[in-house]
Amino acid sequence: MLRLGFILHLFIGSTLAGSAMIAALVMGMDTMQPLLLAALAGFIVAFPVTYLVTRALYSSQ
């Protein structure tokens, strides 16, 4: 389960971090600090999302 979680986190984390950065850019925050904070927030939010997706994949078997 841990190996699948790591692989999923690569995809989910980059997707959420990229979405958060695009949202920050749309809101007009175009300096370095808000963009880094948005990317970090997306990366951190991806941990519980990855856990839920991995658990759902394993419970469906």
C-alpha atoms as a PDB file:
ATOM      1  CA  MET A   1       0.000   0.000   0.000  1.00  0.00           C
ATOM      2  CA  LEU A   2       2.869   2.365   0.770  1.00  0.00           C
ATOM      3  CA  ARG A   3       4.446   1.937  -2.661  1.00  0.00           C
ATOM      4  CA  LEU A   4       1.175   2.714  -4.425  1.00  0.00           C
ATOM      5  CA  GLY A   5       0.709   5.722  -2.136  1.00  0.00           C
ATOM      6  CA  PHE A   6       4.102   7.135  -3.105  1.00  0.00           C
ATOM      7  CA  ILE A   7       3.368   6.740  -6.793  1.00  0.00           C
ATOM      8  CA  LEU A   8      -0.071   8.293  -6.459  1.00  0.00           C
ATOM      9  CA  HIS A   9       1.325  11.180  -4.424  1.00  0.00           C
ATOM     10  CA  LEU A  10       3.634  12.081  -7.289  1.00  0.00           C
ATOM     11  CA  PHE A  11       0.647  12.603  -9.559  1.00  0.00           C
ATOM     12  CA  ILE A  12      -1.866  13.956  -7.046  1.00  0.00           C
ATOM     13  CA  GLY A  13       0.668  16.288  -5.433  1.00  0.00           C
ATOM     14  CA  SER A  14       1.830  17.807  -8.689  1.00  0.00           C
ATOM     15  CA  THR A  15      -1.761  18.219  -9.874  1.00  0.00           C
ATOM     16  CA  LEU A  16      -2.913  19.965  -6.699  1.00  0.00           C
ATOM     17  CA  ALA A  17       0.229  22.112  -6.469  1.00  0.00           C
ATOM     18  CA  GLY A  18      -0.168  23.180 -10.086  1.00  0.00           C
ATOM     19  CA  SER A  19      -3.850  23.948  -9.596  1.00  0.00           C
ATOM     20  CA  ALA A  20      -3.074  26.013  -6.507  1.00  0.00           C
ATOM     21  CA  MET A  21      -0.410  27.953  -8.401  1.00  0.00           C
ATOM     22  CA  ILE A  22      -2.821  28.668 -11.256  1.00  0.00           C
ATOM     23  CA  ALA A  23      -5.429  29.843  -8.745  1.00  0.00           C
ATOM     24  CA  ALA A  24      -2.847  32.158  -7.150  1.00  0.00           C
ATOM     25  CA  LEU A  25      -1.902  33.568 -10.547  1.00  0.00           C
ATOM     26  CA  VAL A  26      -5.553  34.158 -11.436  1.00  0.00           C
ATOM     27  CA  MET A  27      -5.998  36.074  -8.169  1.00  0.00           C
ATOM     28  CA  GLY A  28      -3.123  38.356  -9.178  1.00  0.00           C
ATOM     29  CA  MET A  29      -0.498  37.003  -6.814  1.00  0.00           C
ATOM     30  CA  ASP A  30       2.436  36.897  -9.198  1.00  0.00           C
ATOM     31  CA  THR A  31       5.441  37.204  -6.892  1.00  0.00           C
ATOM     32  CA  MET A  32       7.640  34.403  -5.658  1.00  0.00           C
ATOM     33  CA  GLN A  33       6.351  34.007  -2.088  1.00  0.00           C
ATOM     34  CA  PRO A  34       2.622  33.498  -2.853  1.00  0.00           C
ATOM     35  CA  LEU A  35       3.431  31.069  -5.644  1.00  0.00           C
ATOM     36  CA  LEU A  36       5.707  28.997  -3.419  1.00  0.00           C
ATOM     37  CA  LEU A  37       3.132  29.000  -0.629  1.00  0.00           C
ATOM     38  CA  ALA A  38       0.434  27.893  -3.067  1.00  0.00           C
ATOM     39  CA  ALA A  39       2.637  25.068  -4.356  1.00  0.00           C
ATOM     40  CA  LEU A  40       3.483  23.998  -0.803  1.00  0.00           C
ATOM     41  CA  ALA A  41      -0.167  24.076   0.202  1.00  0.00           C
ATOM     42  CA  GLY A  42      -1.087  21.878  -2.762  1.00  0.00           C
ATOM     43  CA  PHE A  43       1.691  19.441  -1.886  1.00  0.00           C
ATOM     44  CA  ILE A  44       0.577  19.192   1.749  1.00  0.00           C
ATOM     45  CA  VAL A  45      -3.129  18.838   0.893  1.00  0.00           C
ATOM     46  CA  ALA A  46      -2.189  15.951  -1.379  1.00  0.00           C
ATOM     47  CA  PHE A  47      -1.224  13.721   1.568  1.00  0.00           C
ATOM     48  CA  PRO A  48      -4.746  13.088   2.900  1.00  0.00           C
ATOM     49  CA  VAL A  49      -6.141  12.962  -0.635  1.00  0.00           C
ATOM     50  CA  THR A  50      -3.564  10.329  -1.562  1.00  0.00           C
ATOM     51  CA  TYR A  51      -4.412   8.333   1.554  1.00  0.00           C
ATOM     52  CA  LEU A  52      -8.118   8.355   0.706  1.00  0.00           C
ATOM     53  CA  VAL A  53      -7.524   7.362  -2.920  1.00  0.00           C
ATOM     54  CA  THR A  54      -5.109   4.582  -1.964  1.00  0.00           C
ATOM     55  CA  ARG A  55      -7.483   3.237   0.665  1.00  0.00           C
ATOM     56  CA  ALA A  56     -10.350   3.295  -1.824  1.00  0.00           C
ATOM     57  CA  LEU A  57      -8.278   1.414  -4.395  1.00  0.00           C
ATOM     58  CA  TYR A  58      -7.294  -1.278  -1.904  1.00  0.00           C
ATOM     59  CA  SER A  59     -10.791  -1.692  -0.496  1.00  0.00           C
ATOM     60  CA  SER A  60     -12.275  -2.267  -3.953  1.00  0.00           C
ATOM     61  CA  GLN A  61     -10.259  -5.456  -4.480  1.00  0.00           C
END
